[in-house]
């Protein structure tokens, strides 16, 4: 079974259970949704080796109706090279970005993330792609997420690592360093280079 298939099933079952428990009032319905939740946790535990309690704790603070999380990533070019940051967590490279914060517009979120992770000031000029994380070759992740990739114009600043990154650099398309595929894939960066070469391409979306 492809790894992305069980994670998709887990995310759907977990969301059905959580949303059901959020709105259900009938005692029997509540029991049914609790069983669905427990089944989803058992499925994730069997496929990851994590304890059921640890998996349950991941979702314990989720309130209200479950919706996908939003991950923003910025594509910044200098000549024909792209800005990448080296993640402290896994030592691999990624487009600067992260979860969008409440109160930020998507463009503001990506500009902030780029500055915090790389030291460069930018201006978002185009939404390159809106992807469903599950439909791309990312490492498994418990939460369902949408990924927004923005083309951003470099307007100032200088390279500076952060508490989340340990290095910053610009790389040619044919000389990419090892990528953090939890965050970005080689295919996605290749598509971003296509948008940089052909600015009139429409936004990609799943």
N, C-alpha and C. Protein backbone atom coordinates (compact mmCIF):
# COMPACT_ATOMS: atom_id res chain seq x y z
N UNK A 1 0.84 -1.19 0.00
CA UNK A 1 0.00 0.00 0.00
C UNK A 1 0.87 1.25 0.00
N UNK A 2 0.57 2.19 -0.89
CA UNK A 2 1.34 3.42 -0.95
C UNK A 2 1.16 4.19 0.35
N UNK A 3 2.27 4.77 0.85
CA UNK A 3 2.25 5.45 2.14
C UNK A 3 1.22 6.55 2.19
N UNK A 4 1.03 7.26 1.07
CA UNK A 4 0.10 8.38 1.07
C UNK A 4 -1.35 7.92 1.22
N UNK A 5 -1.63 6.65 0.90
CA UNK A 5 -3.01 6.18 0.96
C UNK A 5 -3.49 6.03 2.40
N UNK A 6 -2.69 5.41 3.25
CA UNK A 6 -3.15 5.24 4.63
C UNK A 6 -3.22 6.57 5.36
N UNK A 7 -2.30 7.49 5.06
CA UNK A 7 -2.35 8.78 5.73
C UNK A 7 -3.59 9.55 5.30
N UNK A 8 -3.99 9.40 4.04
CA UNK A 8 -5.22 10.03 3.56
C UNK A 8 -6.43 9.45 4.28
N UNK A 9 -6.48 8.11 4.42
CA UNK A 9 -7.58 7.48 5.15
C UNK A 9 -7.61 7.95 6.60
N UNK A 10 -6.43 7.99 7.23
CA UNK A 10 -6.36 8.42 8.62
C UNK A 10 -6.89 9.85 8.77
N UNK A 11 -6.44 10.75 7.91
CA UNK A 11 -6.86 12.14 8.01
C UNK A 11 -8.37 12.28 7.84
N UNK A 12 -8.94 11.52 6.91
CA UNK A 12 -10.39 11.61 6.67
C UNK A 12 -11.17 11.05 7.85
N UNK A 13 -10.75 9.90 8.35
CA UNK A 13 -11.45 9.30 9.49
C UNK A 13 -11.33 10.19 10.73
N UNK A 14 -10.14 10.74 10.95
CA UNK A 14 -9.92 11.61 12.10
C UNK A 14 -10.81 12.84 12.01
N UNK A 15 -10.92 13.42 10.82
CA UNK A 15 -11.76 14.61 10.63
C UNK A 15 -13.23 14.28 10.82
N UNK A 16 -13.69 13.15 10.28
CA UNK A 16 -15.09 12.74 10.46
C UNK A 16 -15.40 12.57 11.94
N UNK A 17 -14.49 11.89 12.65
CA UNK A 17 -14.70 11.65 14.08
C UNK A 17 -14.71 12.96 14.86
N UNK A 18 -13.74 13.81 14.60
CA UNK A 18 -13.64 15.06 15.36
C UNK A 18 -14.84 15.96 15.08
N UNK A 19 -15.20 16.10 13.80
CA UNK A 19 -16.34 16.95 13.46
C UNK A 19 -17.64 16.39 14.02
N UNK A 20 -17.76 15.07 13.99
CA UNK A 20 -18.94 14.44 14.57
C UNK A 20 -19.05 14.68 16.06
N UNK A 21 -17.92 14.53 16.77
CA UNK A 21 -17.92 14.75 18.21
C UNK A 21 -18.14 16.22 18.56
N UNK A 22 -17.81 17.11 17.63
CA UNK A 22 -18.02 18.53 17.87
C UNK A 22 -19.50 18.88 17.86
N UNK A 23 -20.28 18.21 16.99
CA UNK A 23 -21.67 18.60 16.81
C UNK A 23 -22.69 17.58 17.32
N UNK A 24 -22.27 16.33 17.53
CA UNK A 24 -23.23 15.29 17.93
C UNK A 24 -23.78 15.55 19.33
N UNK A 25 -25.07 15.26 19.51
CA UNK A 25 -25.72 15.39 20.81
C UNK A 25 -26.28 14.06 21.29
N UNK A 26 -26.60 13.18 20.34
CA UNK A 26 -27.14 11.87 20.69
C UNK A 26 -26.04 10.98 21.26
N UNK A 27 -26.33 10.32 22.38
CA UNK A 27 -25.34 9.48 23.06
C UNK A 27 -24.79 8.39 22.15
N UNK A 28 -25.66 7.78 21.35
CA UNK A 28 -25.22 6.69 20.47
C UNK A 28 -24.33 7.22 19.33
N UNK A 29 -24.66 8.40 18.83
CA UNK A 29 -23.82 9.00 17.79
C UNK A 29 -22.43 9.32 18.35
N UNK A 30 -22.38 9.82 19.56
CA UNK A 30 -21.10 10.14 20.19
C UNK A 30 -20.24 8.89 20.32
N UNK A 31 -20.86 7.77 20.72
CA UNK A 31 -20.13 6.51 20.84
C UNK A 31 -19.57 6.07 19.49
N UNK A 32 -20.38 6.22 18.44
CA UNK A 32 -19.93 5.82 17.10
C UNK A 32 -18.74 6.66 16.65
N UNK A 33 -18.81 7.96 16.87
CA UNK A 33 -17.70 8.82 16.46
C UNK A 33 -16.43 8.55 17.28
N UNK A 34 -16.60 8.20 18.53
CA UNK A 34 -15.44 7.84 19.36
C UNK A 34 -14.78 6.57 18.82
N UNK A 35 -15.60 5.61 18.35
CA UNK A 35 -15.04 4.39 17.78
C UNK A 35 -14.29 4.67 16.48
N UNK A 36 -14.84 5.59 15.66
CA UNK A 36 -14.15 5.97 14.42
C UNK A 36 -12.81 6.64 14.75
N UNK A 37 -12.82 7.52 15.76
CA UNK A 37 -11.59 8.18 16.19
C UNK A 37 -10.55 7.16 16.64
N UNK A 38 -10.98 6.20 17.47
CA UNK A 38 -10.06 5.19 17.99
C UNK A 38 -9.51 4.31 16.87
N UNK A 39 -10.35 4.02 15.87
CA UNK A 39 -9.90 3.22 14.73
C UNK A 39 -8.85 3.98 13.92
N UNK A 40 -9.07 5.28 13.72
CA UNK A 40 -8.10 6.09 12.99
C UNK A 40 -6.77 6.13 13.73
N UNK A 41 -6.82 6.28 15.04
CA UNK A 41 -5.60 6.32 15.85
C UNK A 41 -4.88 4.98 15.78
N UNK A 42 -5.62 3.89 15.83
CA UNK A 42 -5.02 2.55 15.73
C UNK A 42 -4.34 2.37 14.39
N UNK A 43 -4.96 2.86 13.31
CA UNK A 43 -4.39 2.77 11.98
C UNK A 43 -3.07 3.54 11.91
N UNK A 44 -3.05 4.76 12.45
CA UNK A 44 -1.83 5.57 12.41
C UNK A 44 -0.73 4.94 13.26
N UNK A 45 -1.10 4.41 14.41
CA UNK A 45 -0.12 3.78 15.29
C UNK A 45 0.52 2.57 14.61
N UNK A 46 -0.29 1.77 13.92
CA UNK A 46 0.22 0.58 13.25
C UNK A 46 1.18 0.92 12.12
N UNK A 47 0.99 2.08 11.49
CA UNK A 47 1.81 2.46 10.34
C UNK A 47 3.02 3.31 10.71
N UNK A 48 3.04 3.87 11.91
CA UNK A 48 4.14 4.76 12.29
C UNK A 48 4.96 4.26 13.46
N UNK A 49 4.38 3.38 14.27
CA UNK A 49 5.07 2.93 15.48
C UNK A 49 4.89 3.87 16.66
N UNK A 50 4.23 5.01 16.45
CA UNK A 50 3.94 5.93 17.55
C UNK A 50 2.84 5.34 18.42
N UNK A 51 2.86 5.65 19.70
CA UNK A 51 1.83 5.13 20.60
C UNK A 51 0.49 5.80 20.30
N UNK A 52 -0.62 5.09 20.53
CA UNK A 52 -1.93 5.72 20.35
C UNK A 52 -2.08 7.01 21.15
N UNK A 53 -1.54 7.04 22.36
CA UNK A 53 -1.66 8.24 23.18
C UNK A 53 -0.96 9.43 22.53
N UNK A 54 0.23 9.19 21.97
CA UNK A 54 0.96 10.28 21.32
C UNK A 54 0.18 10.81 20.13
N UNK A 55 -0.40 9.92 19.35
CA UNK A 55 -1.18 10.35 18.19
C UNK A 55 -2.42 11.12 18.64
N UNK A 56 -3.09 10.62 19.66
CA UNK A 56 -4.27 11.30 20.17
C UNK A 56 -3.91 12.71 20.67
N UNK A 57 -2.75 12.83 21.32
CA UNK A 57 -2.33 14.12 21.86
C UNK A 57 -2.10 15.15 20.76
N UNK A 58 -1.72 14.69 19.55
CA UNK A 58 -1.51 15.61 18.44
C UNK A 58 -2.78 16.39 18.12
N UNK A 59 -3.93 15.73 18.30
CA UNK A 59 -5.20 16.33 17.91
C UNK A 59 -6.01 16.82 19.08
N UNK A 60 -5.48 16.67 20.29
CA UNK A 60 -6.26 16.98 21.49
C UNK A 60 -6.63 18.46 21.57
N UNK A 61 -5.78 19.33 21.01
CA UNK A 61 -6.03 20.77 21.10
C UNK A 61 -6.82 21.31 19.91
N UNK A 62 -7.17 20.45 18.96
CA UNK A 62 -7.95 20.89 17.81
C UNK A 62 -9.39 21.15 18.26
N UNK A 63 -9.89 22.34 17.98
CA UNK A 63 -11.25 22.70 18.36
C UNK A 63 -12.09 23.02 17.13
N UNK A 64 -13.39 22.77 17.25
CA UNK A 64 -14.28 23.11 16.16
C UNK A 64 -14.14 22.19 14.96
N UNK A 65 -14.63 22.64 13.83
CA UNK A 65 -14.64 21.85 12.60
C UNK A 65 -13.22 21.76 12.03
N UNK A 66 -12.79 20.55 11.73
CA UNK A 66 -11.43 20.33 11.22
C UNK A 66 -11.35 20.77 9.75
N UNK A 67 -10.38 21.61 9.43
CA UNK A 67 -10.12 22.03 8.05
C UNK A 67 -8.63 21.88 7.76
N UNK A 68 -8.23 21.88 6.48
CA UNK A 68 -6.80 21.76 6.17
C UNK A 68 -6.01 22.95 6.71
N UNK A 69 -4.78 22.68 7.11
CA UNK A 69 -3.85 23.74 7.50
C UNK A 69 -3.26 24.37 6.24
N UNK A 70 -2.73 25.58 6.38
CA UNK A 70 -2.17 26.31 5.24
C UNK A 70 -0.67 26.51 5.43
N UNK A 71 0.11 25.95 4.51
CA UNK A 71 1.56 26.11 4.50
C UNK A 71 1.92 27.03 3.34
N UNK A 72 2.67 28.10 3.61
CA UNK A 72 3.08 29.03 2.55
C UNK A 72 4.57 28.88 2.29
N UNK A 73 4.96 28.95 1.03
CA UNK A 73 6.36 28.84 0.63
C UNK A 73 6.68 29.93 -0.38
N UNK A 74 7.86 30.54 -0.24
CA UNK A 74 8.24 31.63 -1.12
C UNK A 74 9.36 31.26 -2.08
N UNK A 75 9.17 31.58 -3.36
CA UNK A 75 10.20 31.37 -4.38
C UNK A 75 10.83 32.71 -4.71
N UNK A 76 12.10 32.87 -4.34
CA UNK A 76 12.83 34.12 -4.54
C UNK A 76 14.01 33.83 -5.47
N UNK A 77 14.10 34.58 -6.56
CA UNK A 77 15.17 34.34 -7.53
C UNK A 77 16.17 35.48 -7.55
N UNK A 78 17.43 35.12 -7.77
CA UNK A 78 18.50 36.08 -8.05
C UNK A 78 19.20 35.57 -9.30
N UNK A 79 19.09 36.35 -10.38
CA UNK A 79 19.51 35.89 -11.70
C UNK A 79 18.74 34.59 -12.01
N UNK A 80 19.44 33.48 -12.17
CA UNK A 80 18.75 32.23 -12.48
C UNK A 80 18.91 31.21 -11.35
N UNK A 81 19.06 31.71 -10.14
CA UNK A 81 19.18 30.83 -8.97
C UNK A 81 18.04 31.10 -8.00
N UNK A 82 17.69 30.10 -7.20
CA UNK A 82 16.55 30.19 -6.29
C UNK A 82 17.05 30.15 -4.84
N UNK A 83 16.37 30.91 -4.00
CA UNK A 83 16.72 30.98 -2.58
C UNK A 83 16.22 29.74 -1.84
N UNK A 84 17.13 29.10 -1.10
CA UNK A 84 16.78 27.97 -0.25
C UNK A 84 17.37 28.19 1.13
N UNK A 85 16.72 27.62 2.14
CA UNK A 85 17.24 27.68 3.51
C UNK A 85 17.44 26.26 4.01
N UNK A 86 18.45 26.09 4.86
CA UNK A 86 18.72 24.76 5.42
C UNK A 86 18.03 24.65 6.78
N UNK A 87 17.14 23.68 6.88
CA UNK A 87 16.31 23.54 8.08
C UNK A 87 17.12 22.97 9.25
N UNK A 88 16.96 23.58 10.40
CA UNK A 88 17.64 23.08 11.59
C UNK A 88 17.12 21.71 11.99
N UNK A 89 15.83 21.46 11.77
CA UNK A 89 15.22 20.22 12.22
C UNK A 89 15.79 18.96 11.59
N UNK A 90 15.99 18.98 10.25
CA UNK A 90 16.48 17.77 9.58
C UNK A 90 17.78 17.98 8.81
N UNK A 91 18.31 19.22 8.80
CA UNK A 91 19.56 19.49 8.11
C UNK A 91 19.45 19.53 6.60
N UNK A 92 18.23 19.50 6.07
CA UNK A 92 18.01 19.51 4.63
C UNK A 92 17.48 20.88 4.19
N UNK A 93 17.38 21.08 2.88
CA UNK A 93 17.09 22.40 2.32
C UNK A 93 15.64 22.50 1.85
N UNK A 94 15.13 23.72 1.91
CA UNK A 94 13.74 23.95 1.54
C UNK A 94 13.56 25.38 1.06
N UNK A 95 12.45 25.64 0.38
CA UNK A 95 12.02 27.02 0.18
C UNK A 95 11.65 27.59 1.54
N UNK A 96 11.99 28.84 1.81
CA UNK A 96 11.57 29.42 3.09
C UNK A 96 10.05 29.46 3.18
N UNK A 97 9.53 29.20 4.38
CA UNK A 97 8.08 29.20 4.55
C UNK A 97 7.67 28.50 5.82
N UNK A 98 6.38 28.33 5.98
CA UNK A 98 5.84 27.67 7.17
C UNK A 98 4.34 27.88 7.25
N UNK A 99 3.78 27.58 8.42
CA UNK A 99 2.34 27.73 8.61
C UNK A 99 1.95 29.20 8.59
N UNK A 100 0.84 29.51 7.93
CA UNK A 100 0.30 30.87 7.96
C UNK A 100 -0.28 31.16 9.34
N UNK A 101 -0.06 32.36 9.82
CA UNK A 101 -0.59 32.77 11.12
C UNK A 101 -1.96 33.41 10.98
N UNK A 102 -2.78 33.24 12.00
CA UNK A 102 -4.07 33.92 12.04
C UNK A 102 -3.82 35.43 12.02
N UNK A 103 -4.56 36.15 11.18
CA UNK A 103 -4.41 37.60 11.08
C UNK A 103 -3.58 38.02 9.89
N UNK A 104 -2.79 37.10 9.31
CA UNK A 104 -1.98 37.41 8.13
C UNK A 104 -2.74 37.09 6.86
N UNK A 105 -2.66 37.95 5.86
CA UNK A 105 -3.04 37.57 4.51
C UNK A 105 -1.99 36.58 4.01
N UNK A 106 -2.33 35.70 3.06
CA UNK A 106 -1.34 34.73 2.58
C UNK A 106 -0.04 35.38 2.10
N UNK A 107 -0.15 36.50 1.38
CA UNK A 107 1.06 37.16 0.88
C UNK A 107 1.89 37.72 2.02
N UNK A 108 1.23 38.25 3.05
CA UNK A 108 1.96 38.75 4.22
C UNK A 108 2.66 37.62 4.96
N UNK A 109 1.98 36.48 5.04
CA UNK A 109 2.55 35.33 5.74
C UNK A 109 3.83 34.86 5.07
N UNK A 110 3.82 34.78 3.74
CA UNK A 110 5.01 34.26 3.06
C UNK A 110 6.15 35.27 3.12
N UNK A 111 5.84 36.56 3.01
CA UNK A 111 6.89 37.58 3.12
C UNK A 111 7.53 37.55 4.51
N UNK A 112 6.71 37.38 5.53
CA UNK A 112 7.23 37.31 6.90
C UNK A 112 8.11 36.08 7.08
N UNK A 113 7.64 34.92 6.60
CA UNK A 113 8.41 33.68 6.74
C UNK A 113 9.75 33.78 6.03
N UNK A 114 9.77 34.35 4.84
CA UNK A 114 11.03 34.49 4.11
C UNK A 114 12.01 35.34 4.90
N UNK A 115 11.54 36.47 5.43
CA UNK A 115 12.41 37.36 6.19
C UNK A 115 12.93 36.67 7.46
N UNK A 116 12.04 36.00 8.18
CA UNK A 116 12.44 35.37 9.44
C UNK A 116 13.43 34.23 9.21
N UNK A 117 13.29 33.50 8.13
CA UNK A 117 14.13 32.31 7.91
C UNK A 117 15.39 32.59 7.10
N UNK A 118 15.40 33.68 6.32
CA UNK A 118 16.56 33.92 5.44
C UNK A 118 17.22 35.28 5.62
N UNK A 119 16.51 36.26 6.19
CA UNK A 119 17.04 37.61 6.32
C UNK A 119 16.73 38.51 5.14
N UNK A 120 16.09 37.97 4.09
CA UNK A 120 15.79 38.76 2.90
C UNK A 120 14.38 39.35 2.96
N UNK A 121 14.27 40.61 2.52
CA UNK A 121 12.96 41.27 2.42
C UNK A 121 12.44 41.07 0.99
N UNK A 122 11.17 40.73 0.89
CA UNK A 122 10.60 40.40 -0.41
C UNK A 122 9.20 40.98 -0.56
N UNK A 123 8.71 40.92 -1.77
CA UNK A 123 7.34 41.32 -2.07
C UNK A 123 6.69 40.22 -2.92
N UNK A 124 5.60 39.64 -2.43
CA UNK A 124 4.91 38.59 -3.17
C UNK A 124 4.25 39.18 -4.41
N UNK A 125 4.51 38.58 -5.58
CA UNK A 125 3.99 39.14 -6.83
C UNK A 125 3.06 38.18 -7.58
N UNK A 126 3.10 36.89 -7.22
CA UNK A 126 2.26 35.94 -7.95
C UNK A 126 2.06 34.68 -7.13
N UNK A 127 0.83 34.15 -7.14
CA UNK A 127 0.57 32.83 -6.57
C UNK A 127 0.89 31.80 -7.65
N UNK A 128 1.98 31.07 -7.46
CA UNK A 128 2.42 30.09 -8.45
C UNK A 128 1.53 28.85 -8.43
N UNK A 129 1.24 28.36 -7.21
CA UNK A 129 0.50 27.09 -7.11
C UNK A 129 -0.22 26.99 -5.77
N UNK A 130 -1.35 26.31 -5.82
CA UNK A 130 -2.09 25.93 -4.61
C UNK A 130 -2.27 24.43 -4.68
N UNK A 131 -1.52 23.70 -3.86
CA UNK A 131 -1.47 22.25 -3.94
C UNK A 131 -2.07 21.60 -2.69
N UNK A 132 -2.66 20.43 -2.89
CA UNK A 132 -3.06 19.55 -1.80
C UNK A 132 -1.82 18.71 -1.45
N UNK A 133 -1.32 18.86 -0.25
CA UNK A 133 -0.08 18.18 0.14
C UNK A 133 -0.15 16.68 -0.09
N UNK A 134 -1.32 16.08 0.13
CA UNK A 134 -1.47 14.64 0.00
C UNK A 134 -1.27 14.16 -1.43
N UNK A 135 -1.40 15.04 -2.41
CA UNK A 135 -1.33 14.62 -3.81
C UNK A 135 0.05 14.80 -4.41
N UNK A 136 1.02 15.08 -3.57
CA UNK A 136 2.39 15.26 -4.04
C UNK A 136 3.32 14.38 -3.23
N UNK A 137 4.55 14.27 -3.66
CA UNK A 137 5.47 13.27 -3.11
C UNK A 137 6.17 13.75 -1.85
N UNK A 138 5.37 14.16 -0.87
CA UNK A 138 5.90 14.58 0.42
C UNK A 138 5.94 13.40 1.38
N UNK A 139 6.78 13.53 2.41
CA UNK A 139 6.78 12.54 3.47
C UNK A 139 5.44 12.56 4.20
N UNK A 140 4.99 11.42 4.75
CA UNK A 140 3.70 11.39 5.45
C UNK A 140 3.65 12.40 6.59
N UNK A 141 2.45 12.97 6.79
CA UNK A 141 2.25 13.97 7.83
C UNK A 141 0.83 13.79 8.38
N UNK A 142 0.64 13.89 9.69
CA UNK A 142 -0.67 13.57 10.26
C UNK A 142 -1.79 14.52 9.87
N UNK A 143 -1.47 15.78 9.62
CA UNK A 143 -2.51 16.77 9.32
C UNK A 143 -2.65 16.97 7.82
N UNK A 144 -3.88 17.18 7.38
CA UNK A 144 -4.12 17.53 5.99
C UNK A 144 -3.74 18.99 5.79
N UNK A 145 -3.03 19.30 4.71
CA UNK A 145 -2.56 20.67 4.50
C UNK A 145 -2.63 21.06 3.04
N UNK A 146 -2.89 22.33 2.81
CA UNK A 146 -2.76 22.93 1.49
C UNK A 146 -1.45 23.71 1.48
N UNK A 147 -0.75 23.68 0.34
CA UNK A 147 0.54 24.37 0.20
C UNK A 147 0.39 25.47 -0.85
N UNK A 148 0.69 26.70 -0.44
CA UNK A 148 0.63 27.85 -1.35
C UNK A 148 2.05 28.29 -1.68
N UNK A 149 2.40 28.28 -2.96
CA UNK A 149 3.73 28.69 -3.41
C UNK A 149 3.62 30.06 -4.10
N UNK A 150 4.39 31.03 -3.60
CA UNK A 150 4.36 32.39 -4.14
C UNK A 150 5.69 32.73 -4.80
N UNK A 151 5.61 33.41 -5.94
CA UNK A 151 6.79 34.03 -6.53
C UNK A 151 6.97 35.38 -5.84
N UNK A 152 8.16 35.62 -5.29
CA UNK A 152 8.41 36.82 -4.52
C UNK A 152 9.62 37.59 -5.08
N UNK A 153 9.47 38.89 -5.16
CA UNK A 153 10.54 39.76 -5.65
C UNK A 153 11.47 40.14 -4.51
N UNK A 154 12.76 40.03 -4.74
CA UNK A 154 13.76 40.39 -3.74
C UNK A 154 13.91 41.91 -3.71
N UNK A 155 13.72 42.52 -2.51
CA UNK A 155 13.77 43.97 -2.42
C UNK A 155 14.79 44.47 -1.41
N UNK A 156 15.43 43.58 -0.65
CA UNK A 156 16.42 44.05 0.31
C UNK A 156 16.84 42.98 1.28
N UNK A 157 17.57 43.38 2.31
CA UNK A 157 18.03 42.46 3.34
C UNK A 157 19.31 41.76 2.95
N UNK A 158 19.74 40.85 3.82
CA UNK A 158 20.94 40.06 3.56
C UNK A 158 20.79 38.71 4.23
N UNK A 159 21.56 37.75 3.75
CA UNK A 159 21.45 36.37 4.24
C UNK A 159 21.71 36.31 5.74
N UNK A 160 20.79 35.67 6.44
CA UNK A 160 20.91 35.53 7.89
C UNK A 160 20.09 34.33 8.34
N UNK A 161 20.73 33.34 8.94
CA UNK A 161 20.01 32.18 9.46
C UNK A 161 19.17 32.59 10.66
N UNK A 162 18.32 31.67 11.13
CA UNK A 162 17.40 31.99 12.21
C UNK A 162 17.37 30.86 13.22
N UNK A 163 16.42 30.92 14.15
CA UNK A 163 16.29 29.82 15.11
C UNK A 163 15.73 28.56 14.47
N UNK A 164 15.25 28.66 13.23
CA UNK A 164 14.72 27.50 12.51
C UNK A 164 15.62 27.04 11.37
N UNK A 165 16.58 27.89 10.99
CA UNK A 165 17.44 27.57 9.85
C UNK A 165 18.91 27.72 10.23
N UNK A 166 19.77 26.97 9.53
CA UNK A 166 21.20 27.02 9.85
C UNK A 166 22.05 27.49 8.67
N UNK A 167 21.43 27.73 7.52
CA UNK A 167 22.19 28.22 6.38
C UNK A 167 21.22 28.78 5.35
N UNK A 168 21.73 29.65 4.50
CA UNK A 168 20.93 30.32 3.47
C UNK A 168 21.76 30.37 2.20
N UNK A 169 21.14 30.09 1.05
CA UNK A 169 21.91 30.16 -0.18
C UNK A 169 21.02 30.19 -1.41
N UNK A 170 21.63 30.57 -2.54
CA UNK A 170 20.95 30.56 -3.84
C UNK A 170 21.54 29.42 -4.67
N UNK A 171 20.65 28.68 -5.37
CA UNK A 171 21.09 27.49 -6.09
C UNK A 171 20.49 27.45 -7.49
N UNK A 172 21.29 26.95 -8.44
CA UNK A 172 20.82 26.75 -9.80
C UNK A 172 19.91 25.52 -9.86
N UNK A 173 19.05 25.47 -10.86
CA UNK A 173 18.10 24.37 -10.98
C UNK A 173 18.79 23.02 -11.10
N UNK A 174 19.94 22.99 -11.75
CA UNK A 174 20.66 21.72 -11.95
C UNK A 174 21.69 21.45 -10.85
N UNK A 175 21.64 22.23 -9.77
CA UNK A 175 22.61 22.04 -8.68
C UNK A 175 21.93 22.21 -7.32
N UNK A 176 20.76 21.60 -7.19
CA UNK A 176 20.02 21.72 -5.93
C UNK A 176 20.66 20.85 -4.85
N UNK A 177 20.67 21.32 -3.61
CA UNK A 177 21.17 20.50 -2.50
C UNK A 177 20.11 19.49 -2.09
N UNK A 178 20.41 18.56 -1.17
CA UNK A 178 19.40 17.60 -0.71
C UNK A 178 18.20 18.33 -0.09
N UNK A 179 17.00 17.99 -0.56
CA UNK A 179 15.81 18.72 -0.16
C UNK A 179 15.07 18.07 1.00
N UNK A 180 14.45 18.91 1.81
CA UNK A 180 13.57 18.45 2.88
C UNK A 180 12.20 18.16 2.26
N UNK A 181 11.98 16.91 1.85
CA UNK A 181 10.77 16.59 1.10
C UNK A 181 9.51 16.62 1.96
N UNK A 182 9.66 16.78 3.26
CA UNK A 182 8.50 17.09 4.09
C UNK A 182 7.93 18.44 3.66
N UNK A 183 8.78 19.34 3.19
CA UNK A 183 8.39 20.71 2.89
C UNK A 183 8.25 21.01 1.41
N UNK A 184 9.15 20.48 0.58
CA UNK A 184 9.13 20.78 -0.85
C UNK A 184 9.76 19.62 -1.62
N UNK A 185 9.33 19.42 -2.85
CA UNK A 185 9.87 18.34 -3.67
C UNK A 185 10.66 18.90 -4.85
N UNK A 186 11.50 18.06 -5.42
CA UNK A 186 12.27 18.46 -6.60
C UNK A 186 11.34 18.84 -7.75
N UNK A 187 10.27 18.09 -7.91
CA UNK A 187 9.31 18.36 -8.99
C UNK A 187 8.66 19.73 -8.80
N UNK A 188 8.32 20.08 -7.57
CA UNK A 188 7.71 21.39 -7.32
C UNK A 188 8.68 22.52 -7.64
N UNK A 189 9.95 22.36 -7.25
CA UNK A 189 10.92 23.40 -7.55
C UNK A 189 11.13 23.51 -9.06
N UNK A 190 11.13 22.38 -9.75
CA UNK A 190 11.23 22.42 -11.20
C UNK A 190 10.09 23.20 -11.83
N UNK A 191 8.90 23.00 -11.30
CA UNK A 191 7.73 23.74 -11.81
C UNK A 191 7.85 25.23 -11.50
N UNK A 192 8.40 25.56 -10.36
CA UNK A 192 8.60 26.97 -9.99
C UNK A 192 9.58 27.64 -10.97
N UNK A 193 10.63 26.93 -11.35
CA UNK A 193 11.56 27.48 -12.34
C UNK A 193 10.84 27.72 -13.67
N UNK A 194 9.91 26.85 -14.04
CA UNK A 194 9.14 27.05 -15.27
C UNK A 194 8.33 28.34 -15.19
N UNK A 195 7.73 28.60 -14.03
CA UNK A 195 6.98 29.84 -13.86
C UNK A 195 7.90 31.06 -13.91
N UNK A 196 9.11 30.92 -13.40
CA UNK A 196 10.05 32.03 -13.45
C UNK A 196 10.46 32.34 -14.89
N UNK A 197 10.61 31.29 -15.70
CA UNK A 197 10.98 31.48 -17.09
C UNK A 197 9.81 31.97 -17.94
N UNK A 198 8.59 31.58 -17.55
CA UNK A 198 7.38 31.93 -18.32
C UNK A 198 6.39 32.62 -17.38
N UNK A 199 6.55 33.92 -17.14
CA UNK A 199 5.72 34.63 -16.15
C UNK A 199 4.23 34.59 -16.43
N UNK A 200 3.84 34.33 -17.67
CA UNK A 200 2.41 34.35 -18.00
C UNK A 200 1.71 33.02 -17.73
N UNK A 201 2.43 32.03 -17.23
CA UNK A 201 1.77 30.77 -16.89
C UNK A 201 0.70 31.01 -15.81
N UNK A 202 -0.47 30.37 -15.94
CA UNK A 202 -1.50 30.54 -14.91
C UNK A 202 -1.12 29.80 -13.63
N UNK A 203 -1.78 30.13 -12.54
CA UNK A 203 -1.55 29.45 -11.27
C UNK A 203 -1.90 27.98 -11.38
N UNK A 204 -1.02 27.11 -10.88
CA UNK A 204 -1.30 25.67 -10.80
C UNK A 204 -2.18 25.40 -9.59
N UNK A 205 -3.05 24.42 -9.70
CA UNK A 205 -3.84 24.02 -8.52
C UNK A 205 -4.33 22.59 -8.68
N UNK A 206 -4.56 21.93 -7.55
CA UNK A 206 -5.12 20.57 -7.54
C UNK A 206 -6.65 20.67 -7.49
